[in-house]
Full PDB file with SEQRES, HELIX, SHEET, SSBOND, CRYST1, ORIGX, SCALE, CONECT and MASTER records, all heavy atoms in Angstrom:
SEQRES   1 A   41  LEU ARG HIS ALA VAL GLU GLY GLU HIS TRP PRO ALA LEU          
SEQRES   2 A   41  ALA PRO GLY LEU ALA VAL THR MET SER VAL GLY VAL ALA          
SEQRES   3 A   41  THR LEU ASP GLY ARG GLN GLU VAL ALA THR LEU LEU ARG          
SEQRES   4 A   41  GLN ALA                                                      
HELIX    1 AA1 ARG A    2  GLY A    7  1                                   6    
HELIX    2 AA2 TRP A   10  ALA A   12  5                                   3    
HELIX    3 AA3 VAL A   34  GLN A   40  1                                   7    
CRYST1    1.000    1.000    1.000  90.00  90.00  90.00 P 1           1          
ORIGX1      1.000000  0.000000  0.000000        0.00000                         
ORIGX2      0.000000  1.000000  0.000000        0.00000                         
ORIGX3      0.000000  0.000000  1.000000        0.00000                         
SCALE1      1.000000  0.000000  0.000000        0.00000                         
SCALE2      0.000000  1.000000  0.000000        0.00000                         
SCALE3      0.000000  0.000000  1.000000        0.00000                         
ATOM      1  N   LEU A   1       0.835  -1.205   0.000  1.00  0.00           N  
ATOM      2  CA  LEU A   1       0.000   0.000   0.000  1.00  0.00           C  
ATOM      3  C   LEU A   1       0.871   1.256   0.000  1.00  0.00           C  
ATOM      4  O   LEU A   1       0.605   2.210  -0.732  1.00  0.00           O  
ATOM      5  CB  LEU A   1      -0.946  -0.003   1.199  1.00  0.00           C  
ATOM      6  CG  LEU A   1      -2.034  -1.068   1.193  1.00  0.00           C  
ATOM      7  CD1 LEU A   1      -2.726  -1.128   2.556  1.00  0.00           C  
ATOM      8  CD2 LEU A   1      -3.042  -0.819   0.085  1.00  0.00           C  
ATOM      9  N   ARG A   2       1.911   1.241   0.826  1.00  0.00           N  
ATOM     10  CA  ARG A   2       2.823   2.388   0.898  1.00  0.00           C  
ATOM     11  C   ARG A   2       3.459   2.641  -0.469  1.00  0.00           C  
ATOM     12  O   ARG A   2       3.512   3.765  -0.956  1.00  0.00           O  
ATOM     13  CB  ARG A   2       3.909   2.141   1.956  1.00  0.00           C  
ATOM     14  CG  ARG A   2       4.827   3.361   2.182  1.00  0.00           C  
ATOM     15  CD  ARG A   2       6.187   2.951   2.700  1.00  0.00           C  
ATOM     16  NE  ARG A   2       6.922   2.102   1.792  1.00  0.00           N  
ATOM     17  CZ  ARG A   2       7.530   2.519   0.670  1.00  0.00           C  
ATOM     18  NH1 ARG A   2       7.490   3.787   0.306  1.00  0.00           N  
ATOM     19  NH2 ARG A   2       8.189   1.667  -0.088  1.00  0.00           N  
ATOM     20  N   HIS A   3       3.914   1.577  -1.092  1.00  0.00           N  
ATOM     21  CA  HIS A   3       4.547   1.687  -2.404  1.00  0.00           C  
ATOM     22  C   HIS A   3       3.547   2.188  -3.456  1.00  0.00           C  
ATOM     23  O   HIS A   3       3.899   3.002  -4.322  1.00  0.00           O  
ATOM     24  CB  HIS A   3       5.126   0.325  -2.798  1.00  0.00           C  
ATOM     25  CG  HIS A   3       5.892   0.337  -4.076  1.00  0.00           C  
ATOM     26  ND1 HIS A   3       7.129   0.934  -4.218  1.00  0.00           N  
ATOM     27  CD2 HIS A   3       5.581  -0.166  -5.288  1.00  0.00           C  
ATOM     28  CE1 HIS A   3       7.545   0.801  -5.451  1.00  0.00           C  
ATOM     29  NE2 HIS A   3       6.629   0.138  -6.131  1.00  0.00           N  
ATOM     30  N   ALA A   4       2.310   1.705  -3.390  1.00  0.00           N  
ATOM     31  CA  ALA A   4       1.276   2.134  -4.344  1.00  0.00           C  
ATOM     32  C   ALA A   4       0.994   3.625  -4.203  1.00  0.00           C  
ATOM     33  O   ALA A   4       0.857   4.334  -5.211  1.00  0.00           O  
ATOM     34  CB  ALA A   4      -0.007   1.323  -4.147  1.00  0.00           C  
ATOM     35  N   VAL A   5       0.897   4.112  -2.968  1.00  0.00           N  
ATOM     36  CA  VAL A   5       0.652   5.537  -2.748  1.00  0.00           C  
ATOM     37  C   VAL A   5       1.823   6.354  -3.296  1.00  0.00           C  
ATOM     38  O   VAL A   5       1.618   7.314  -4.037  1.00  0.00           O  
ATOM     39  CB  VAL A   5       0.421   5.834  -1.246  1.00  0.00           C  
ATOM     40  CG1 VAL A   5       0.497   7.330  -0.958  1.00  0.00           C  
ATOM     41  CG2 VAL A   5      -0.922   5.275  -0.798  1.00  0.00           C  
ATOM     42  N   GLU A   6       3.025   5.951  -2.963  1.00  0.00           N  
ATOM     43  CA  GLU A   6       4.208   6.688  -3.426  1.00  0.00           C  
ATOM     44  C   GLU A   6       4.294   6.693  -4.953  1.00  0.00           C  
ATOM     45  O   GLU A   6       4.718   7.684  -5.555  1.00  0.00           O  
ATOM     46  CB  GLU A   6       5.466   6.052  -2.836  1.00  0.00           C  
ATOM     47  CG  GLU A   6       6.748   6.762  -3.216  1.00  0.00           C  
ATOM     48  CD  GLU A   6       7.973   6.088  -2.648  1.00  0.00           C  
ATOM     49  OE1 GLU A   6       7.986   4.845  -2.496  1.00  0.00           O  
ATOM     50  OE2 GLU A   6       8.931   6.823  -2.339  1.00  0.00           O  
ATOM     51  N   GLY A   7       3.855   5.607  -5.590  1.00  0.00           N  
ATOM     52  CA  GLY A   7       3.987   5.456  -7.026  1.00  0.00           C  
ATOM     53  C   GLY A   7       2.907   6.120  -7.868  1.00  0.00           C  
ATOM     54  O   GLY A   7       2.999   6.127  -9.097  1.00  0.00           O  
ATOM     55  N   GLU A   8       1.888   6.679  -7.229  1.00  0.00           N  
ATOM     56  CA  GLU A   8       0.840   7.364  -7.988  1.00  0.00           C  
ATOM     57  C   GLU A   8       1.416   8.603  -8.681  1.00  0.00           C  
ATOM     58  O   GLU A   8       2.410   9.171  -8.241  1.00  0.00           O  
ATOM     59  CB  GLU A   8      -0.301   7.791  -7.056  1.00  0.00           C  
ATOM     60  CG  GLU A   8      -1.175   6.652  -6.602  1.00  0.00           C  
ATOM     61  CD  GLU A   8      -1.969   6.021  -7.725  1.00  0.00           C  
ATOM     62  OE1 GLU A   8      -2.729   6.737  -8.404  1.00  0.00           O  
ATOM     63  OE2 GLU A   8      -1.817   4.804  -7.933  1.00  0.00           O  
ATOM     64  N   HIS A   9       0.761   9.032  -9.737  1.00  0.00           N  
ATOM     65  CA  HIS A   9       1.211  10.227 -10.476  1.00  0.00           C  
ATOM     66  C   HIS A   9       0.581  11.471  -9.840  1.00  0.00           C  
ATOM     67  O   HIS A   9      -0.406  12.015 -10.338  1.00  0.00           O  
ATOM     68  CB  HIS A   9       0.840  10.108 -11.954  1.00  0.00           C  
ATOM     69  CG  HIS A   9       1.335  11.252 -12.771  1.00  0.00           C  
ATOM     70  ND1 HIS A   9       2.678  11.500 -12.960  1.00  0.00           N  
ATOM     71  CD2 HIS A   9       0.676  12.234 -13.423  1.00  0.00           C  
ATOM     72  CE1 HIS A   9       2.814  12.579 -13.696  1.00  0.00           C  
ATOM     73  NE2 HIS A   9       1.616  13.051 -13.990  1.00  0.00           N  
ATOM     74  N   TRP A  10       1.140  11.897  -8.723  1.00  0.00           N  
ATOM     75  CA  TRP A  10       0.585  13.006  -7.949  1.00  0.00           C  
ATOM     76  C   TRP A  10       0.655  14.357  -8.639  1.00  0.00           C  
ATOM     77  O   TRP A  10      -0.219  15.201  -8.418  1.00  0.00           O  
ATOM     78  CB  TRP A  10       1.245  13.062  -6.571  1.00  0.00           C  
ATOM     79  CG  TRP A  10       0.911  11.844  -5.776  1.00  0.00           C  
ATOM     80  CD1 TRP A  10       1.731  10.792  -5.491  1.00  0.00           C  
ATOM     81  CD2 TRP A  10      -0.359  11.517  -5.206  1.00  0.00           C  
ATOM     82  NE1 TRP A  10       1.053   9.843  -4.778  1.00  0.00           N  
ATOM     83  CE2 TRP A  10      -0.235  10.265  -4.583  1.00  0.00           C  
ATOM     84  CE3 TRP A  10      -1.597  12.158  -5.162  1.00  0.00           C  
ATOM     85  CZ2 TRP A  10      -1.290   9.638  -3.921  1.00  0.00           C  
ATOM     86  CZ3 TRP A  10      -2.640  11.548  -4.507  1.00  0.00           C  
ATOM     87  CH2 TRP A  10      -2.484  10.305  -3.892  1.00  0.00           C  
ATOM     88  N   PRO A  11       1.662  14.637  -9.490  1.00  0.00           N  
ATOM     89  CA  PRO A  11       1.674  15.939 -10.164  1.00  0.00           C  
ATOM     90  C   PRO A  11       0.439  16.199 -11.030  1.00  0.00           C  
ATOM     91  O   PRO A  11       0.178  17.342 -11.394  1.00  0.00           O  
ATOM     92  CB  PRO A  11       2.961  15.900 -10.999  1.00  0.00           C  
ATOM     93  CG  PRO A  11       3.854  14.979 -10.238  1.00  0.00           C  
ATOM     94  CD  PRO A  11       2.925  13.910  -9.705  1.00  0.00           C  
ATOM     95  N   ALA A  12      -0.339  15.160 -11.336  1.00  0.00           N  
ATOM     96  CA  ALA A  12      -1.583  15.384 -12.071  1.00  0.00           C  
ATOM     97  C   ALA A  12      -2.574  16.196 -11.233  1.00  0.00           C  
ATOM     98  O   ALA A  12      -3.413  16.904 -11.778  1.00  0.00           O  
ATOM     99  CB  ALA A  12      -2.213  14.047 -12.476  1.00  0.00           C  
ATOM    100  N   LEU A  13      -2.463  16.097  -9.903  1.00  0.00           N  
ATOM    101  CA  LEU A  13      -3.310  16.901  -9.009  1.00  0.00           C  
ATOM    102  C   LEU A  13      -2.751  18.305  -8.804  1.00  0.00           C  
ATOM    103  O   LEU A  13      -3.516  19.256  -8.685  1.00  0.00           O  
ATOM    104  CB  LEU A  13      -3.452  16.232  -7.642  1.00  0.00           C  
ATOM    105  CG  LEU A  13      -4.321  14.987  -7.547  1.00  0.00           C  
ATOM    106  CD1 LEU A  13      -4.342  14.476  -6.102  1.00  0.00           C  
ATOM    107  CD2 LEU A  13      -5.735  15.270  -8.014  1.00  0.00           C  
ATOM    108  N   ALA A  14      -1.430  18.400  -8.722  1.00  0.00           N  
ATOM    109  CA  ALA A  14      -0.780  19.700  -8.515  1.00  0.00           C  
ATOM    110  C   ALA A  14       0.690  19.563  -8.905  1.00  0.00           C  
ATOM    111  O   ALA A  14       1.344  18.600  -8.485  1.00  0.00           O  
ATOM    112  CB  ALA A  14      -0.902  20.140  -7.059  1.00  0.00           C  
ATOM    113  N   PRO A  15       1.211  20.494  -9.683  1.00  0.00           N  
ATOM    114  CA  PRO A  15       2.620  20.430 -10.083  1.00  0.00           C  
ATOM    115  C   PRO A  15       3.536  20.322  -8.862  1.00  0.00           C  
ATOM    116  O   PRO A  15       3.354  21.018  -7.867  1.00  0.00           O  
ATOM    117  CB  PRO A  15       2.847  21.754 -10.828  1.00  0.00           C  
ATOM    118  CG  PRO A  15       1.484  22.158 -11.297  1.00  0.00           C  
ATOM    119  CD  PRO A  15       0.533  21.668 -10.227  1.00  0.00           C  
ATOM    120  N   GLY A  16       4.487  19.402  -8.947  1.00  0.00           N  
ATOM    121  CA  GLY A  16       5.457  19.238  -7.874  1.00  0.00           C  
ATOM    122  C   GLY A  16       4.979  18.430  -6.680  1.00  0.00           C  
ATOM    123  O   GLY A  16       5.731  18.220  -5.737  1.00  0.00           O  
ATOM    124  N   LEU A  17       3.742  17.964  -6.716  1.00  0.00           N  
ATOM    125  CA  LEU A  17       3.191  17.220  -5.593  1.00  0.00           C  
ATOM    126  C   LEU A  17       3.763  15.808  -5.537  1.00  0.00           C  
ATOM    127  O   LEU A  17       3.842  15.113  -6.543  1.00  0.00           O  
ATOM    128  CB  LEU A  17       1.659  17.147  -5.706  1.00  0.00           C  
ATOM    129  CG  LEU A  17       0.922  16.386  -4.603  1.00  0.00           C  
ATOM    130  CD1 LEU A  17       1.123  17.047  -3.247  1.00  0.00           C  
ATOM    131  CD2 LEU A  17      -0.562  16.286  -4.936  1.00  0.00           C  
ATOM    132  N   ALA A  18       4.169  15.395  -4.330  1.00  0.00           N  
ATOM    133  CA  ALA A  18       4.595  14.022  -4.046  1.00  0.00           C  
ATOM    134  C   ALA A  18       3.906  13.616  -2.748  1.00  0.00           C  
ATOM    135  O   ALA A  18       3.770  14.430  -1.841  1.00  0.00           O  
ATOM    136  CB  ALA A  18       6.102  13.937  -3.898  1.00  0.00           C  
ATOM    137  N   VAL A  19       3.448  12.377  -2.671  1.00  0.00           N  
ATOM    138  CA  VAL A  19       2.742  11.904  -1.490  1.00  0.00           C  
ATOM    139  C   VAL A  19       3.347  10.580  -1.048  1.00  0.00           C  
ATOM    140  O   VAL A  19       3.522   9.666  -1.866  1.00  0.00           O  
ATOM    141  CB  VAL A  19       1.231  11.718  -1.765  1.00  0.00           C  
ATOM    142  CG1 VAL A  19       0.513  11.182  -0.533  1.00  0.00           C  
ATOM    143  CG2 VAL A  19       0.612  13.032  -2.229  1.00  0.00           C  
ATOM    144  N   THR A  20       3.677  10.502   0.234  1.00  0.00           N  
ATOM    145  CA  THR A  20       4.156   9.261   0.836  1.00  0.00           C  
ATOM    146  C   THR A  20       3.393   9.050   2.143  1.00  0.00           C  
ATOM    147  O   THR A  20       2.673   9.941   2.601  1.00  0.00           O  
ATOM    148  CB  THR A  20       5.671   9.316   1.130  1.00  0.00           C  
ATOM    149  OG1 THR A  20       5.945  10.379   2.043  1.00  0.00           O  
ATOM    150  CG2 THR A  20       6.478   9.504  -0.159  1.00  0.00           C  
ATOM    151  N   MET A  21       3.582   7.867   2.737  1.00  0.00           N  
ATOM    152  CA  MET A  21       2.926   7.613   4.014  1.00  0.00           C  
ATOM    153  C   MET A  21       3.804   6.756   4.896  1.00  0.00           C  
ATOM    154  O   MET A  21       4.656   5.993   4.425  1.00  0.00           O  
ATOM    155  CB  MET A  21       1.559   6.965   3.816  1.00  0.00           C  
ATOM    156  CG  MET A  21       1.573   5.555   3.324  1.00  0.00           C  
ATOM    157  SD  MET A  21      -0.130   4.931   3.195  1.00  0.00           S  
ATOM    158  CE  MET A  21       0.188   3.190   2.963  1.00  0.00           C  
ATOM    159  N   SER A  22       3.576   6.891   6.181  1.00  0.00           N  
ATOM    160  CA  SER A  22       4.238   6.089   7.194  1.00  0.00           C  
ATOM    161  C   SER A  22       3.193   5.199   7.834  1.00  0.00           C  
ATOM    162  O   SER A  22       2.036   5.602   7.981  1.00  0.00           O  
ATOM    163  CB  SER A  22       4.876   7.001   8.255  1.00  0.00           C  
ATOM    164  OG  SER A  22       5.814   7.867   7.654  1.00  0.00           O  
ATOM    165  N   VAL A  23       3.619   3.981   8.243  1.00  0.00           N  
ATOM    166  CA  VAL A  23       2.671   3.000   8.757  1.00  0.00           C  
ATOM    167  C   VAL A  23       3.253   2.284   9.963  1.00  0.00           C  
ATOM    168  O   VAL A  23       4.426   1.905   9.962  1.00  0.00           O  
ATOM    169  CB  VAL A  23       2.315   1.947   7.678  1.00  0.00           C  
ATOM    170  CG1 VAL A  23       1.238   0.995   8.183  1.00  0.00           C  
ATOM    171  CG2 VAL A  23       1.905   2.601   6.370  1.00  0.00           C  
ATOM    172  N   GLY A  24       2.413   2.092  10.973  1.00  0.00           N  
ATOM    173  CA  GLY A  24       2.754   1.265  12.127  1.00  0.00           C  
ATOM    174  C   GLY A  24       1.816   0.079  12.189  1.00  0.00           C  
ATOM    175  O   GLY A  24       0.604   0.237  12.038  1.00  0.00           O  
ATOM    176  N   VAL A  25       2.358  -1.117  12.408  1.00  0.00           N  
ATOM    177  CA  VAL A  25       1.588  -2.363  12.387  1.00  0.00           C  
ATOM    178  C   VAL A  25       1.688  -3.051  13.744  1.00  0.00           C  
ATOM    179  O   VAL A  25       2.766  -3.122  14.337  1.00  0.00           O  
ATOM    180  CB  VAL A  25       2.129  -3.325  11.297  1.00  0.00           C  
ATOM    181  CG1 VAL A  25       1.360  -4.639  11.296  1.00  0.00           C  
ATOM    182  CG2 VAL A  25       2.092  -2.668   9.930  1.00  0.00           C  
ATOM    183  N   ALA A  26       0.565  -3.594  14.206  1.00  0.00           N  
ATOM    184  CA  ALA A  26       0.540  -4.406  15.430  1.00  0.00           C  
ATOM    185  C   ALA A  26      -0.377  -5.602  15.190  1.00  0.00           C  
ATOM    186  O   ALA A  26      -1.366  -5.503  14.469  1.00  0.00           O  
ATOM    187  CB  ALA A  26       0.044  -3.583  16.613  1.00  0.00           C  
ATOM    188  N   THR A  27      -0.037  -6.730  15.806  1.00  0.00           N  
ATOM    189  CA  THR A  27      -0.792  -7.959  15.608  1.00  0.00           C  
ATOM    190  C   THR A  27      -1.325  -8.464  16.938  1.00  0.00           C  
ATOM    191  O   THR A  27      -0.591  -8.495  17.942  1.00  0.00           O  
ATOM    192  CB  THR A  27       0.091  -9.035  14.945  1.00  0.00           C  
ATOM    193  OG1 THR A  27       0.541  -8.528  13.689  1.00  0.00           O  
ATOM    194  CG2 THR A  27      -0.667 -10.324  14.719  1.00  0.00           C  
ATOM    195  N   LEU A  28      -2.577  -8.846  16.944  1.00  0.00           N  
ATOM    196  CA  LEU A  28      -3.234  -9.379  18.129  1.00  0.00           C  
ATOM    197  C   LEU A  28      -2.609 -10.723  18.483  1.00  0.00           C  
ATOM    198  O   LEU A  28      -2.519 -11.608  17.629  1.00  0.00           O  
ATOM    199  CB  LEU A  28      -4.728  -9.546  17.853  1.00  0.00           C  
ATOM    200  CG  LEU A  28      -5.623  -9.931  19.019  1.00  0.00           C  
ATOM    201  CD1 LEU A  28      -5.648  -8.817  20.065  1.00  0.00           C  
ATOM    202  CD2 LEU A  28      -7.030 -10.213  18.528  1.00  0.00           C  
ATOM    203  N   ASP A  29      -2.174 -10.844  19.720  1.00  0.00           N  
ATOM    204  CA  ASP A  29      -1.597 -12.115  20.153  1.00  0.00           C  
ATOM    205  C   ASP A  29      -2.559 -12.884  21.063  1.00  0.00           C  
ATOM    206  O   ASP A  29      -2.207 -13.916  21.614  1.00  0.00           O  
ATOM    207  CB  ASP A  29      -0.245 -11.914  20.817  1.00  0.00           C  
ATOM    208  CG  ASP A  29      -0.329 -11.163  22.137  1.00  0.00           C  
ATOM    209  OD1 ASP A  29      -1.444 -10.973  22.665  1.00  0.00           O  
ATOM    210  OD2 ASP A  29       0.730 -10.766  22.644  1.00  0.00           O  
ATOM    211  N   GLY A  30      -3.776 -12.370  21.229  1.00  0.00           N  
ATOM    212  CA  GLY A  30      -4.768 -13.051  22.037  1.00  0.00           C  
ATOM    213  C   GLY A  30      -4.784 -12.643  23.495  1.00  0.00           C  
ATOM    214  O   GLY A  30      -5.684 -13.009  24.235  1.00  0.00           O  
ATOM    215  N   ARG A  31      -3.782 -11.881  23.902  1.00  0.00           N  
ATOM    216  CA  ARG A  31      -3.703 -11.492  25.309  1.00  0.00           C  
ATOM    217  C   ARG A  31      -4.008 -10.023  25.547  1.00  0.00           C  
ATOM    218  O   ARG A  31      -4.460  -9.669  26.619  1.00  0.00           O  
ATOM    219  CB  ARG A  31      -2.301 -11.802  25.854  1.00  0.00           C  
ATOM    220  CG  ARG A  31      -1.978 -13.276  25.873  1.00  0.00           C  
ATOM    221  CD  ARG A  31      -0.596 -13.488  26.433  1.00  0.00           C  
ATOM    222  NE  ARG A  31       0.376 -12.819  25.568  1.00  0.00           N  
ATOM    223  CZ  ARG A  31       1.392 -13.419  24.987  1.00  0.00           C  
ATOM    224  NH1 ARG A  31       1.585 -14.683  25.160  1.00  0.00           N  
ATOM    225  NH2 ARG A  31       2.222 -12.748  24.228  1.00  0.00           N  
ATOM    226  N   GLN A  32      -3.749  -9.176  24.579  1.00  0.00           N  
ATOM    227  CA  GLN A  32      -3.911  -7.750  24.818  1.00  0.00           C  
ATOM    228  C   GLN A  32      -5.318  -7.274  24.455  1.00  0.00           C  
ATOM    229  O   GLN A  32      -6.011  -7.894  23.670  1.00  0.00           O  
ATOM    230  CB  GLN A  32      -2.834  -6.928  24.097  1.00  0.00           C  
ATOM    231  CG  GLN A  32      -2.987  -6.804  22.606  1.00  0.00           C  
ATOM    232  CD  GLN A  32      -2.283  -7.883  21.825  1.00  0.00           C  
ATOM    233  OE1 GLN A  32      -2.548  -9.047  22.004  1.00  0.00           O  
ATOM    234  NE2 GLN A  32      -1.405  -7.482  20.929  1.00  0.00           N  
ATOM    235  N   GLU A  33      -5.667  -6.163  25.048  1.00  0.00           N  
ATOM    236  CA  GLU A  33      -6.929  -5.485  24.730  1.00  0.00           C  
ATOM    237  C   GLU A  33      -6.779  -4.757  23.388  1.00  0.00           C  
ATOM    238  O   GLU A  33      -5.666  -4.438  22.969  1.00  0.00           O  
ATOM    239  CB  GLU A  33      -7.241  -4.452  25.811  1.00  0.00           C  
ATOM    240  CG  GLU A  33      -7.350  -5.011  27.213  1.00  0.00           C  
ATOM    241  CD  GLU A  33      -8.733  -5.552  27.492  1.00  0.00           C  
ATOM    242  OE1 GLU A  33      -9.691  -4.998  26.937  1.00  0.00           O  
ATOM    243  OE2 GLU A  33      -8.836  -6.518  28.253  1.00  0.00           O  
ATOM    244  N   VAL A  34      -7.896  -4.461  22.772  1.00  0.00           N  
ATOM    245  CA  VAL A  34      -7.870  -3.736  21.500  1.00  0.00           C  
ATOM    246  C   VAL A  34      -7.187  -2.380  21.678  1.00  0.00           C  
ATOM    247  O   VAL A  34      -6.408  -1.950  20.829  1.00  0.00           O  
ATOM    248  CB  VAL A  34      -9.296  -3.573  20.931  1.00  0.00           C  
ATOM    249  CG1 VAL A  34      -9.302  -2.657  19.714  1.00  0.00           C  
ATOM    250  CG2 VAL A  34      -9.875  -4.930  20.581  1.00  0.00           C  
ATOM    251  N   ALA A  35      -7.453  -1.709  22.795  1.00  0.00           N  
ATOM    252  CA  ALA A  35      -6.826  -0.403  23.042  1.00  0.00           C  
ATOM    253  C   ALA A  35      -5.302  -0.529  23.086  1.00  0.00           C  
ATOM    254  O   ALA A  35      -4.587   0.351  22.604  1.00  0.00           O  
ATOM    255  CB  ALA A  35      -7.351   0.202  24.337  1.00  0.00           C  
ATOM    256  N   THR A  36      -4.804  -1.619  23.636  1.00  0.00           N  
ATOM    257  CA  THR A  36      -3.363  -1.853  23.678  1.00  0.00           C  
ATOM    258  C   THR A  36      -2.824  -2.060  22.279  1.00  0.00           C  
ATOM    259  O   THR A  36      -1.758  -1.551  21.920  1.00  0.00           O  
ATOM    260  CB  THR A  36      -3.044  -3.080  24.559  1.00  0.00           C  
ATOM    261  OG1 THR A  36      -3.562  -2.840  25.871  1.00  0.00           O  
ATOM    262  CG2 THR A  36      -1.553  -3.351  24.633  1.00  0.00           C  
ATOM    263  N   LEU A  37      -3.557  -2.793  21.472  1.00  0.00           N  
ATOM    264  CA  LEU A  37      -3.160  -3.024  20.084  1.00  0.00           C  
ATOM    265  C   LEU A  37      -3.068  -1.700  19.322  1.00  0.00           C  
ATOM    266  O   LEU A  37      -2.113  -1.454  18.585  1.00  0.00           O  
ATOM    267  CB  LEU A  37      -4.169  -3.964  19.428  1.00  0.00           C  
ATOM    268  CG  LEU A  37      -3.789  -4.623  18.119  1.00  0.00           C  
ATOM    269  CD1 LEU A  37      -2.568  -5.513  18.277  1.00  0.00           C  
ATOM    270  CD2 LEU A  37      -4.961  -5.426  17.583  1.00  0.00           C  
ATOM    271  N   LEU A  38      -4.048  -0.835  19.527  1.00  0.00           N  
ATOM    272  CA  LEU A  38      -4.022   0.483  18.883  1.00  0.00           C  
ATOM    273  C   LEU A  38      -2.819   1.301  19.356  1.00  0.00           C  
ATOM    274  O   LEU A  38      -2.166   1.971  18.556  1.00  0.00           O  
ATOM    275  CB  LEU A  38      -5.308   1.241  19.168  1.00  0.00           C  
ATOM    276  CG  LEU A  38      -6.501   0.861  18.309  1.00  0.00           C  
ATOM    277  CD1 LEU A  38      -7.785   1.462  18.868  1.00  0.00           C  
ATOM    278  CD2 LEU A  38      -6.298   1.299  16.871  1.00  0.00           C  
ATOM    279  N   ARG A  39      -2.521   1.245  20.647  1.00  0.00           N  
ATOM    280  CA  ARG A  39      -1.353   1.975  21.167  1.00  0.00           C  
ATOM    281  C   ARG A  39      -0.063   1.446  20.546  1.00  0.00           C  
ATOM    282  O   ARG A  39       0.842   2.216  20.219  1.00  0.00           O  
ATOM    283  CB  ARG A  39      -1.295   1.899  22.687  1.00  0.00           C  
ATOM    284  CG  ARG A  39      -2.236   2.860  23.375  1.00  0.00           C  
ATOM    285  CD  ARG A  39      -1.928   3.008  24.866  1.00  0.00           C  
ATOM    286  NE  ARG A  39      -2.041   1.759  25.597  1.00  0.00           N  
ATOM    287  CZ  ARG A  39      -3.180   1.254  26.090  1.00  0.00           C  
ATOM    288  NH1 ARG A  39      -4.315   1.912  25.927  1.00  0.00           N  
ATOM    289  NH2 ARG A  39      -3.183   0.109  26.740  1.00  0.00           N  
ATOM    290  N   GLN A  40       0.028   0.125  20.380  1.00  0.00           N  
ATOM    291  CA  GLN A  40       1.218  -0.460  19.757  1.00  0.00           C  
ATOM    292  C   GLN A  40       1.360   0.011  18.313  1.00  0.00           C  
ATOM    293  O   GLN A  40       2.464   0.390  17.882  1.00  0.00           O  
ATOM    294  CB  GLN A  40       1.143  -1.987  19.786  1.00  0.00           C  
ATOM    295  CG  GLN A  40       1.341  -2.582  21.153  1.00  0.00           C  
ATOM    296  CD  GLN A  40       1.105  -4.091  21.152  1.00  0.00           C  
ATOM    297  OE1 GLN A  40       0.439  -4.636  20.277  1.00  0.00           O  
ATOM    298  NE2 GLN A  40       1.654  -4.761  22.155  1.00  0.00           N  
ATOM    299  N   ALA A  41       0.273  -0.016  17.564  1.00  0.00           N  
ATOM    300  CA  ALA A  41       0.327   0.445  16.173  1.00  0.00           C  
ATOM    301  C   ALA A  41       0.702   1.916  16.113  1.00  0.00           C  
ATOM    302  O   ALA A  41       1.503   2.335  15.265  1.00  0.00           O  
ATOM    303  CB  ALA A  41      -1.010   0.194  15.482  1.00  0.00           C  
TER     304      ALA A  41                                                      
MASTER        0    0    0    3    0    0    0    6  303    1    0    4          
END                                                                             
């Protein structure tokens, strides 16, 4: 997904425009609460 966003032709929206994103991932291990999972991500 990150690569797809970076690879879009953003200057079509505005000259000189480049768009990237940062991502944090967390996986449920069966012990933590959903709120903890969100904090980890």
